[in-house]
Amino acid sequence: MSSRAHFPTHGVTTSPEQEREHLQTRWLTATLGRILHFRHPISVSLMVAAGVAAYSTLGLVKFHTFRMGIYDLVIFDQGVRGYASFSGPLSHVKGYWETPGTPFSLLGDHFSPILALIAPLYWIYDGPETLIVAQATLFSLAAVPLWVLTRRALTTPAAYLISTAYLVSWPIAEAASFHFHEYAFAPLLTALMFERISAGRLLQATFFVVPILAVKEDMGVFVAGLGAGLALMRGRRGFGIALFACGALYVYLATRLIIPSFGGQADRYWYYSQWGGDPWDAISNMISRPHEVVSTLFSPDTKAWTVLLLLGPLLFLSPASPYMVAPGAMLLMRMLATDPGASGWWSTSYHYNAAIIMALMCAAVDGLARIRRRIRGAKHNAVASYLPAGMAGAMIATVPFFALGNLFSPAWYQPSERTSAAVAALAVVPNGVLVESANNLGPHISARTHVVAWAEKPAKRPERAPWVVADLDEKQPHFSSVHAQVSDVVALQERGYQRVFSDRGYAVLCAPTACR
């Protein structure tokens, strides 16, 4: 008798409970299969969501505990609100240094028209918090094209490791902690462009040139540097030369023609007086004095530490790629500055390093891929495994020393003893007025008043805003001392200003005509 006789396939009956269990098993199996099929999109989405949550928390906690200031959060808040109301990116903070109450176009300060893309979000929520969350989202989304680029160039595990390294990188953390800036767009656009270049889609890569240039006028240096790097690569020389010419021409047009047309000055941020009064003199002098170039790059030593902290966690792999020329050009532009006004360019603080960290990471990936292609045998795969793990580990090790580490400190979330007094002081100020505000209070009334910076007033500009919110305990950025702040309040009262609030060092004053 055949075995089929022992195990008949027909005539077998099952109970309804068994049938349901069978259907549930099939459904679970199919669902698990679908999840596994989409496991990478889900995993990467979770990484991005974690980044958005972390950096939004970092910024919003600082905002609500009064640790953000007028420079630069209110400046961008006023500009984006202007875009949202179709009146242009006008800032009372920037305009106040000329005539009180007269706004100044941010396009005359830095040419960053890409900020208009955030304006629709102000139709949903009108306030600086929108900028904070938007910046966190833009920074975090950049991990997606970086993951795609890395997976293609190396391996899937490497893609996760290097994307993690980017998301916890100290340049992004420092930028997210320091208010909001136009460089929020730089990592995402940079990653998208490098991803298309690495895929060999040069025409598609050109679609990102205009948005990158619209981030800020100095991104022309980045595009020119990228072009110079690509010109060194076989098969991309023509494309590289075109990019270089486009970037160099844009820097000239933006600084010499576009910004002045909006009321700005071409040399507003010229910090190279040691080299000359204009770019041509500076380049000529640098070429003729190479020994001074080297010494300038390492003086003060803050410059060297910043470069070391940028390249070290990436295991110094970035210089192994021609892509390094793009962020390298931006770094040279900053580190060759000689004037004290450029001190922020040299440090690890602020937002400047966020403009190049993605390019450095893409260059590191390309450099690692080039090294890997030269290696055979077991070491071939080991390189793609161990070095990305080293990059992720090194970047994670920096977290406690920079802004992202604050998220792990319970004390950091606590408001100060003066917070309630600050809230009460701001409640006295009516809506729609022009108000000189202490630095950390300005962001909290920016959505409902015309905020300008409270500052020492030179004789040539005696006009004052009708409302003044002063801080008599903590030194303000635009005063030489706390004593000068107290003297200013006394002088205002001598001019007839009335003190309508006073508590825990905060004082609110209004002009006689405004108090009626």
Protein backbone atom coordinates (compact mmCIF):
# COMPACT_ATOMS: atom_id res chain seq x y z
CA MET A 1 0.00 0.00 0.00
CA SER A 2 1.36 3.40 -0.88
CA SER A 3 2.15 6.02 1.65
CA ARG A 4 -0.61 8.18 0.21
CA ALA A 5 -3.07 5.71 1.70
CA HIS A 6 -1.75 6.50 5.20
CA PHE A 7 -2.00 10.28 4.66
CA PRO A 8 -5.08 10.98 2.60
CA THR A 9 -5.40 14.46 1.11
CA HIS A 10 -9.14 14.37 0.54
CA GLY A 11 -11.95 14.04 2.93
CA VAL A 12 -10.09 15.66 5.80
CA THR A 13 -12.35 17.94 7.81
CA THR A 14 -11.23 20.91 9.91
CA SER A 15 -13.05 22.77 12.64
CA PRO A 16 -13.91 26.50 12.30
CA GLU A 17 -11.31 27.26 14.98
CA GLN A 18 -8.57 25.52 12.99
CA GLU A 19 -9.61 27.35 9.84
CA ARG A 20 -9.39 30.72 11.61
CA GLU A 21 -5.96 29.86 13.02
CA HIS A 22 -4.82 28.88 9.53
CA LEU A 23 -6.04 32.17 8.05
CA GLN A 24 -4.44 34.16 10.86
CA THR A 25 -1.13 32.38 10.30
CA ARG A 26 -1.25 33.14 6.59
CA TRP A 27 -2.09 36.81 7.30
CA LEU A 28 0.75 37.17 9.81
CA THR A 29 3.19 35.53 7.42
CA ALA A 30 2.15 37.84 4.58
CA THR A 31 2.31 40.90 6.83
CA LEU A 32 5.76 39.96 8.09
CA GLY A 33 6.89 39.51 4.51
CA ARG A 34 5.65 42.96 3.57
CA ILE A 35 7.35 44.50 6.60
CA LEU A 36 10.62 42.79 5.77
CA HIS A 37 10.31 43.98 2.17
CA PHE A 38 10.02 47.58 3.39
CA ARG A 39 12.33 47.20 6.38
CA HIS A 40 14.89 49.70 5.10
CA PRO A 41 12.42 52.53 4.38
CA ILE A 42 10.88 51.94 7.80
CA SER A 43 14.25 51.86 9.56
CA VAL A 44 15.52 54.97 7.82
CA SER A 45 12.24 56.76 8.54
CA LEU A 46 12.60 55.92 12.22
CA MET A 47 16.14 57.31 12.21
CA VAL A 48 14.91 60.54 10.62
CA ALA A 49 12.01 60.77 13.08
CA ALA A 50 14.43 60.33 15.98
CA GLY A 51 16.59 63.13 14.58
CA VAL A 52 13.61 65.46 14.19
CA ALA A 53 12.47 64.71 17.74
CA ALA A 54 15.93 65.20 19.24
CA TYR A 55 16.77 68.46 17.47
CA SER A 56 13.28 69.89 17.87
CA THR A 57 13.52 69.17 21.59
CA LEU A 58 16.97 70.75 21.73
CA GLY A 59 15.73 73.97 20.16
CA LEU A 60 12.29 74.18 21.74
CA VAL A 61 13.55 73.61 25.28
CA LYS A 62 16.10 76.38 24.82
CA PHE A 63 13.36 78.62 23.45
CA HIS A 64 10.86 78.02 26.23
CA THR A 65 13.50 78.38 28.94
CA PHE A 66 14.53 81.78 27.55
CA ARG A 67 17.96 80.72 26.26
CA MET A 68 17.57 81.91 22.67
CA GLY A 69 18.08 85.46 21.51
CA ILE A 70 17.20 88.14 19.02
CA TYR A 71 20.38 87.42 17.08
CA ASP A 72 19.57 85.45 15.04
CA LEU A 73 16.21 83.84 15.77
CA VAL A 74 14.11 87.01 15.66
CA ILE A 75 15.87 88.22 12.52
CA PHE A 76 14.85 85.12 10.58
CA ASP A 77 11.43 85.00 12.22
CA GLN A 78 10.70 88.51 10.99
CA GLY A 79 12.04 87.75 7.51
CA VAL A 80 10.07 84.53 7.01
CA ARG A 81 6.93 86.18 8.39
CA GLY A 82 7.43 88.85 5.74
CA TYR A 83 7.53 86.19 3.05
CA ALA A 84 4.39 84.62 4.51
CA SER A 85 2.53 87.93 4.31
CA PHE A 86 3.91 88.66 0.81
CA SER A 87 5.65 91.83 2.02
CA GLY A 88 9.19 90.52 1.56
CA PRO A 89 11.84 89.33 4.02
CA LEU A 90 11.89 92.52 6.11
CA SER A 91 13.53 92.67 9.52
CA HIS A 92 13.08 95.43 12.08
CA VAL A 93 16.15 94.13 13.92
CA LYS A 94 18.40 94.75 10.93
CA GLY A 95 16.70 98.05 10.07
CA TYR A 96 16.93 99.48 13.56
CA TRP A 97 20.62 100.21 13.21
CA GLU A 98 19.70 102.80 10.58
CA THR A 99 16.28 104.24 11.47
CA PRO A 100 14.05 102.99 14.31
CA GLY A 101 10.90 101.30 13.04
CA THR A 102 12.12 100.99 9.45
CA PRO A 103 12.61 97.36 8.39
CA PHE A 104 15.52 96.24 6.26
CA SER A 105 15.43 93.48 3.63
CA LEU A 106 17.37 90.39 4.66
CA LEU A 107 18.31 90.00 0.98
CA GLY A 108 20.53 93.04 1.51
CA ASP A 109 22.32 91.28 4.35
CA HIS A 110 22.70 87.75 2.97
CA PHE A 111 21.15 86.61 -0.29
CA SER A 112 19.07 83.66 0.93
CA PRO A 113 15.84 83.58 -1.08
CA ILE A 114 15.38 79.88 -0.24
CA LEU A 115 13.91 81.00 3.10
CA ALA A 116 10.68 81.70 1.23
CA LEU A 117 10.07 77.93 1.16
CA ILE A 118 9.39 77.99 4.91
CA ALA A 119 6.80 80.76 4.64
CA PRO A 120 3.76 78.45 4.10
CA LEU A 121 4.47 76.86 7.47
CA TYR A 122 3.77 80.24 9.06
CA TRP A 123 0.22 79.99 7.78
CA ILE A 124 -0.10 76.98 10.09
CA TYR A 125 1.76 78.37 13.10
CA ASP A 126 3.12 81.92 13.20
CA GLY A 127 6.10 81.98 15.53
CA PRO A 128 9.82 81.25 15.95
CA GLU A 129 9.01 77.69 17.05
CA THR A 130 8.13 76.95 13.42
CA LEU A 131 11.68 77.77 12.39
CA ILE A 132 13.12 75.53 15.10
CA VAL A 133 11.08 72.50 14.05
CA ALA A 134 11.61 73.19 10.34
CA GLN A 135 15.37 73.31 10.86
CA ALA A 136 15.34 70.05 12.82
CA THR A 137 13.35 68.41 10.02
CA LEU A 138 15.63 69.67 7.24
CA PHE A 139 18.75 68.54 9.09
CA SER A 140 17.32 65.10 9.75
CA LEU A 141 15.94 64.49 6.24
CA ALA A 142 19.46 64.83 4.87
CA ALA A 143 20.21 61.38 6.30
CA VAL A 144 18.02 59.77 3.60
CA PRO A 145 20.07 60.63 0.49
CA LEU A 146 23.25 60.02 2.50
CA TRP A 147 21.97 56.50 3.30
CA VAL A 148 21.21 55.86 -0.38
CA LEU A 149 24.62 57.14 -1.49
CA THR A 150 26.49 55.10 1.13
CA ARG A 151 24.58 51.90 0.46
CA ARG A 152 25.39 52.15 -3.25
CA ALA A 153 29.06 52.96 -2.66
CA LEU A 154 29.68 50.56 0.24
CA THR A 155 27.20 48.26 2.00
CA THR A 156 23.83 48.44 3.75
CA PRO A 157 25.33 48.23 7.27
CA ALA A 158 27.74 51.01 6.34
CA ALA A 159 24.78 53.12 5.21
CA TYR A 160 23.15 52.82 8.63
CA LEU A 161 26.38 53.51 10.48
CA ILE A 162 27.36 56.59 8.50
CA SER A 163 23.83 58.00 8.54
CA THR A 164 23.86 57.61 12.31
CA ALA A 165 27.22 59.39 12.44
CA TYR A 166 25.70 62.31 10.55
CA LEU A 167 22.56 62.51 12.70
CA VAL A 168 24.58 62.76 15.92
CA SER A 169 27.37 64.88 14.45
CA TRP A 170 28.43 67.87 16.50
CA PRO A 171 28.15 70.44 13.65
CA ILE A 172 24.45 69.64 13.28
CA ALA A 173 23.93 69.69 17.05
CA GLU A 174 25.65 73.05 17.44
CA ALA A 175 23.67 74.57 14.58
CA ALA A 176 20.36 73.27 15.93
CA SER A 177 21.24 74.69 19.34
CA PHE A 178 22.11 78.14 17.97
CA HIS A 179 18.77 79.54 16.89
CA PHE A 180 17.91 79.13 13.18
CA HIS A 181 19.92 79.85 10.04
CA GLU A 182 19.66 79.50 6.30
CA TYR A 183 22.29 76.74 6.38
CA ALA A 184 19.47 74.45 7.56
CA PHE A 185 18.92 73.70 3.86
CA ALA A 186 22.58 72.98 3.08
CA PRO A 187 22.98 69.35 4.28
CA LEU A 188 19.86 68.07 2.49
CA LEU A 189 20.61 69.80 -0.80
CA THR A 190 24.27 68.79 -0.62
CA ALA A 191 23.39 65.14 -0.03
CA LEU A 192 20.86 65.13 -2.87
CA MET A 193 23.40 66.60 -5.26
CA PHE A 194 26.22 64.24 -4.26
CA GLU A 195 23.88 61.25 -4.46
CA ARG A 196 22.98 62.08 -8.05
CA ILE A 197 26.62 62.69 -8.96
CA SER A 198 27.66 59.37 -7.45
CA ALA A 199 24.88 57.68 -9.43
CA GLY A 200 26.31 59.16 -12.62
CA ARG A 201 23.22 61.34 -13.17
CA LEU A 202 25.01 64.62 -13.80
CA LEU A 203 22.07 66.28 -15.53
CA GLN A 204 19.84 65.51 -12.55
CA ALA A 205 22.55 66.82 -10.23
CA THR A 206 22.41 70.20 -11.94
CA PHE A 207 18.81 70.58 -10.72
CA PHE A 208 20.19 71.19 -7.24
CA VAL A 209 22.69 73.90 -8.22
CA VAL A 210 20.20 76.77 -8.12
CA PRO A 211 18.65 75.76 -4.74
CA ILE A 212 22.13 75.40 -3.23
CA LEU A 213 23.13 78.84 -4.47
CA ALA A 214 19.88 80.24 -3.09
CA VAL A 215 20.89 79.14 0.44
CA LYS A 216 23.47 81.91 0.83
CA GLU A 217 25.87 83.83 -1.37
CA ASP A 218 28.94 81.99 -0.04
CA MET A 219 27.55 78.69 -1.33
CA GLY A 220 28.91 79.86 -4.66
CA VAL A 221 32.33 79.06 -3.20
CA PHE A 222 31.05 75.56 -2.42
CA VAL A 223 29.75 75.05 -5.98
CA ALA A 224 33.00 76.37 -7.46
CA GLY A 225 34.96 74.01 -5.21
CA LEU A 226 32.79 71.07 -6.22
CA GLY A 227 33.38 71.96 -9.85
CA ALA A 228 37.14 72.08 -9.28
CA GLY A 229 37.00 68.66 -7.63
CA LEU A 230 34.94 67.10 -10.42
CA ALA A 231 37.28 68.60 -13.02
CA LEU A 232 39.97 66.32 -11.57
CA MET A 233 37.88 63.23 -12.32
CA ARG A 234 37.93 61.47 -15.65
CA GLY A 235 34.70 61.83 -17.59
CA ARG A 236 33.47 64.76 -15.50
CA ARG A 237 35.90 67.50 -16.46
CA GLY A 238 33.47 69.45 -18.63
CA PHE A 239 30.77 69.30 -15.99
CA GLY A 240 33.26 70.31 -13.32
CA ILE A 241 34.58 73.30 -15.26
CA ALA A 242 31.01 74.49 -15.88
CA LEU A 243 30.19 74.22 -12.16
CA PHE A 244 33.36 76.07 -11.20
CA ALA A 245 32.54 78.94 -13.55
CA CYS A 246 28.93 79.03 -12.34
CA GLY A 247 29.93 79.18 -8.67
CA ALA A 248 32.63 81.81 -9.13
CA LEU A 249 30.38 84.02 -11.24
CA TYR A 250 27.57 83.71 -8.71
CA VAL A 251 29.75 84.85 -5.81
CA TYR A 252 30.67 87.97 -7.77
CA LEU A 253 27.11 88.75 -8.86
CA ALA A 254 25.60 88.09 -5.43
CA THR A 255 28.09 90.15 -3.43
CA ARG A 256 28.76 92.96 -5.90
CA LEU A 257 25.39 93.44 -7.59
CA ILE A 258 22.46 91.58 -5.99
CA ILE A 259 23.05 92.34 -2.30
CA PRO A 260 23.78 96.06 -2.91
CA SER A 261 20.59 96.28 -4.98
CA PHE A 262 18.65 95.40 -1.81
CA GLY A 263 20.38 98.09 0.23
CA GLY A 264 23.34 96.07 1.48
CA GLN A 265 27.08 96.58 1.15
CA ALA A 266 29.35 94.40 -0.95
CA ASP A 267 32.06 94.37 1.72
CA ARG A 268 29.75 94.00 4.73
CA TYR A 269 31.37 90.68 5.71
CA TRP A 270 34.85 91.27 4.35
CA TYR A 271 37.17 89.97 7.08
CA TYR A 272 40.41 89.78 5.10
CA SER A 273 41.96 93.20 5.68
CA GLN A 274 45.42 91.66 6.13
CA TRP A 275 45.26 90.42 2.55
CA GLY A 276 43.72 93.46 0.89
CA GLY A 277 40.58 95.46 0.37
CA ASP A 278 38.92 93.28 -2.26
CA PRO A 279 39.02 89.67 -3.52
CA TRP A 280 41.48 90.36 -6.33
CA ASP A 281 44.01 92.02 -4.03
CA ALA A 282 43.56 89.26 -1.47
CA ILE A 283 44.14 86.43 -3.96
CA SER A 284 47.16 88.19 -5.42
CA ASN A 285 48.72 88.76 -1.99
CA MET A 286 48.04 85.18 -0.90
CA ILE A 287 49.82 83.85 -3.98
CA SER A 288 52.82 86.11 -3.40
CA ARG A 289 53.01 85.39 0.36
CA PRO A 290 52.45 81.64 0.77
CA HIS A 291 54.28 81.50 4.11
CA GLU A 292 51.74 83.93 5.58
CA VAL A 293 48.91 81.80 4.21
CA VAL A 294 50.17 78.80 6.17
CA SER A 295 50.58 80.76 9.38
CA THR A 296 47.14 82.34 9.01
CA LEU A 297 45.52 78.92 8.64
CA PHE A 298 46.79 77.92 12.09
CA SER A 299 46.48 81.20 13.96
CA PRO A 300 44.72 81.32 16.33
CA ASP A 301 44.91 77.63 17.20
CA THR A 302 41.09 77.49 17.35
CA LYS A 303 41.20 77.02 13.59
CA ALA A 304 43.33 73.89 13.80
CA TRP A 305 41.12 72.39 16.51
CA THR A 306 38.00 72.98 14.45
CA VAL A 307 39.48 71.31 11.36
CA LEU A 308 40.72 68.42 13.50
CA LEU A 309 37.26 67.92 15.01
CA LEU A 310 35.69 68.02 11.55
CA LEU A 311 38.01 65.49 9.92
CA GLY A 312 39.01 63.34 12.91
CA PRO A 313 35.66 61.62 13.56
CA LEU A 314 35.54 60.86 9.82
CA LEU A 315 38.90 59.08 10.22
CA PHE A 316 40.49 61.59 7.84
CA LEU A 317 38.89 59.79 4.89
CA SER A 318 37.43 62.93 3.30
CA PRO A 319 40.71 64.12 1.71
CA ALA A 320 40.90 60.78 -0.15
CA SER A 321 38.11 62.01 -2.44
CA PRO A 322 38.03 64.82 -5.03
CA TYR A 323 34.73 65.80 -3.41
CA MET A 324 36.82 67.23 -0.57
CA VAL A 325 37.59 70.30 -2.68
CA ALA A 326 34.04 71.63 -2.19
CA PRO A 327 33.96 71.74 1.64
CA GLY A 328 37.69 72.47 1.58
CA ALA A 329 37.05 75.68 -0.34
CA MET A 330 34.49 76.75 2.27
CA LEU A 331 36.92 75.95 5.07
CA LEU A 332 39.71 77.93 3.43
CA MET A 333 37.38 80.89 2.99
CA ARG A 334 36.71 80.87 6.73
CA MET A 335 40.17 80.04 8.04
CA LEU A 336 42.00 82.57 5.86
CA ALA A 337 40.00 85.40 7.43
CA THR A 338 42.16 87.61 9.61
CA ASP A 339 39.85 90.10 11.30
CA PRO A 340 38.36 89.64 14.81
CA GLY A 341 34.86 89.86 13.35
CA ALA A 342 35.39 86.44 11.80
CA SER A 343 36.13 84.68 15.09
CA GLY A 344 32.83 82.82 14.85
CA TRP A 345 33.92 81.35 11.52
CA TRP A 346 36.86 79.61 13.17
CA SER A 347 35.19 77.87 16.08
CA THR A 348 33.12 74.74 16.61
CA SER A 349 30.18 76.83 17.84
CA TYR A 350 27.39 78.39 15.84
CA HIS A 351 26.10 77.16 12.47
CA TYR A 352 28.96 77.51 10.02
CA ASN A 353 30.15 73.90 10.18
CA ALA A 354 26.65 72.63 9.38
CA ALA A 355 27.15 74.01 5.86
CA ILE A 356 29.98 71.56 5.14
CA ILE A 357 29.55 68.50 7.38
CA MET A 358 27.42 66.66 4.81
CA ALA A 359 29.92 67.35 2.04
CA LEU A 360 32.71 66.08 4.29
CA MET A 361 30.75 62.90 5.00
CA CYS A 362 29.97 62.31 1.31
CA ALA A 363 33.66 62.82 0.56
CA ALA A 364 34.54 60.34 3.31
CA VAL A 365 32.19 57.76 1.80
CA ASP A 366 33.69 58.29 -1.65
CA GLY A 367 37.21 58.18 -0.23
CA LEU A 368 36.46 54.95 1.59
CA ALA A 369 34.98 53.43 -1.57
CA ARG A 370 38.13 54.36 -3.49
CA ILE A 371 40.35 52.77 -0.84
CA ARG A 372 38.18 49.67 -0.81
CA ARG A 373 38.51 49.22 -4.57
CA ARG A 374 42.28 49.05 -4.19
CA ILE A 375 42.09 46.25 -1.64
CA ARG A 376 41.56 42.57 -2.41
CA GLY A 377 40.73 39.55 -0.30
CA ALA A 378 39.26 39.53 3.18
CA LYS A 379 40.33 43.10 3.85
CA HIS A 380 38.04 44.30 1.05
CA ASN A 381 34.89 43.70 3.09
CA ALA A 382 36.54 44.47 6.41
CA VAL A 383 37.26 48.02 5.27
CA ALA A 384 33.58 48.59 4.49
CA SER A 385 32.60 47.22 7.90
CA TYR A 386 35.11 48.48 10.42
CA LEU A 387 35.79 52.00 9.18
CA PRO A 388 32.11 53.07 9.04
CA ALA A 389 31.69 51.60 12.52
CA GLY A 390 34.70 53.64 13.60
CA MET A 391 33.17 56.80 12.13
CA ALA A 392 29.88 56.21 13.93
CA GLY A 393 31.64 55.41 17.19
CA ALA A 394 33.91 58.45 16.98
CA MET A 395 31.00 60.80 16.26
CA ILE A 396 28.90 59.32 19.05
CA ALA A 397 31.86 59.84 21.40
CA THR A 398 31.68 63.61 20.72
CA VAL A 399 28.02 63.88 21.83
CA PRO A 400 28.68 64.62 25.54
CA PHE A 401 30.97 67.51 24.64
CA PHE A 402 28.54 69.37 22.38
CA ALA A 403 24.96 70.59 22.38
CA LEU A 404 23.26 67.23 21.80
CA GLY A 405 24.61 66.03 25.13
CA ASN A 406 22.31 68.50 26.90
CA LEU A 407 19.36 66.24 26.16
CA PHE A 408 20.73 63.75 28.68
CA SER A 409 21.02 66.25 31.53
CA PRO A 410 17.84 66.65 33.66
CA ALA A 411 19.02 70.02 34.96
CA TRP A 412 19.15 71.41 31.43
CA TYR A 413 15.35 71.20 31.13
CA GLN A 414 14.72 73.32 34.22
CA PRO A 415 13.70 76.98 33.78
CA SER A 416 15.63 79.63 35.66
CA GLU A 417 14.37 81.40 38.76
CA ARG A 418 13.70 84.48 36.64
CA THR A 419 11.47 82.80 34.05
CA SER A 420 8.17 83.72 35.69
CA ALA A 421 9.30 87.35 35.95
CA ALA A 422 10.24 87.32 32.26
CA VAL A 423 6.79 86.05 31.31
CA ALA A 424 5.15 88.72 33.46
CA ALA A 425 7.30 91.48 31.96
CA LEU A 426 6.40 90.52 28.41
CA ALA A 427 2.71 90.40 29.25
CA VAL A 428 2.85 94.15 29.91
CA VAL A 429 3.93 94.95 26.33
CA PRO A 430 0.94 95.50 24.02
CA ASN A 431 0.61 93.94 20.58
CA GLY A 432 1.81 95.64 17.43
CA VAL A 433 4.26 98.09 19.03
CA LEU A 434 7.93 98.73 18.30
CA VAL A 435 9.90 97.46 21.29
CA GLU A 436 13.56 97.39 22.22
CA SER A 437 14.03 94.08 23.97
CA ALA A 438 16.64 92.32 26.03
CA ASN A 439 18.20 89.59 23.95
CA ASN A 440 16.62 86.49 25.49
CA LEU A 441 13.14 88.03 25.77
CA GLY A 442 12.77 89.25 22.19
CA PRO A 443 11.94 85.88 20.59
CA HIS A 444 8.88 85.49 22.85
CA ILE A 445 7.12 88.62 21.55
CA SER A 446 8.46 88.54 17.99
CA ALA A 447 5.19 87.13 16.61
CA ARG A 448 3.05 89.98 18.01
CA THR A 449 5.34 93.04 18.12
CA HIS A 450 8.08 94.69 16.09
CA VAL A 451 11.16 93.63 18.06
CA VAL A 452 14.54 95.34 17.85
CA ALA A 453 17.66 94.83 19.94
CA TRP A 454 18.10 96.84 23.12
CA ALA A 455 21.49 98.49 22.75
CA GLU A 456 23.67 101.41 23.73
CA LYS A 457 22.69 104.34 21.55
CA PRO A 458 25.36 106.49 19.88
CA ALA A 459 24.77 110.22 19.68
CA LYS A 460 24.04 110.08 15.96
CA ARG A 461 20.93 107.97 16.60
CA PRO A 462 19.12 109.38 19.65
CA GLU A 463 15.68 108.02 18.63
CA ARG A 464 14.30 105.29 20.84
CA ALA A 465 11.49 102.80 20.52
CA PRO A 466 8.32 103.67 22.45
CA TRP A 467 8.65 100.47 24.51
CA VAL A 468 11.79 99.07 26.14
CA VAL A 469 12.15 95.70 27.90
CA ALA A 470 15.40 95.83 29.85
CA ASP A 471 17.48 93.30 31.76
CA LEU A 472 19.46 94.89 34.58
CA ASP A 473 21.03 91.68 35.90
CA GLU A 474 22.64 89.92 32.90
CA LYS A 475 24.98 91.61 30.44
CA GLN A 476 23.43 92.11 27.02
CA PRO A 477 25.26 91.58 23.69
CA HIS A 478 24.98 95.22 22.64
CA PHE A 479 26.12 96.81 25.87
CA SER A 480 29.62 97.17 27.26
CA SER A 481 28.53 96.27 30.82
CA VAL A 482 25.58 95.79 33.15
CA HIS A 483 26.36 99.24 34.56
CA ALA A 484 25.81 100.69 31.08
CA GLN A 485 22.44 98.92 30.94
CA VAL A 486 21.37 100.46 34.26
CA SER A 487 22.57 103.86 33.06
CA ASP A 488 20.51 103.53 29.91
CA VAL A 489 17.33 102.85 31.89
CA VAL A 490 18.06 105.85 34.12
CA ALA A 491 18.60 108.04 31.06
CA LEU A 492 15.31 106.87 29.56
CA GLN A 493 13.45 107.75 32.75
CA GLU A 494 15.08 111.19 32.72
CA ARG A 495 13.66 111.62 29.21
CA GLY A 496 10.16 110.91 30.51
CA TYR A 497 9.88 107.15 30.03
CA GLN A 498 7.76 105.48 32.72
CA ARG A 499 8.74 102.22 34.38
CA VAL A 500 5.57 100.13 34.25
CA PHE A 501 7.09 96.83 35.40
CA SER A 502 10.02 95.85 37.59
CA ASP A 503 10.82 92.42 39.01
CA ARG A 504 13.92 90.22 39.38
CA GLY A 505 16.06 92.56 37.30
CA TYR A 506 13.60 92.95 34.43
CA ALA A 507 12.16 96.39 33.72
CA VAL A 508 9.59 97.53 31.18
CA LEU A 509 9.49 101.19 30.20
CA CYS A 510 7.25 103.10 27.83
CA ALA A 511 7.42 106.56 26.33
CA PRO A 512 4.93 109.13 27.62
CA THR A 513 2.90 108.98 24.42
CA ALA A 514 2.89 105.16 24.41
CA CYS A 515 1.69 104.75 28.00
CA ARG A 516 -1.55 106.59 27.42
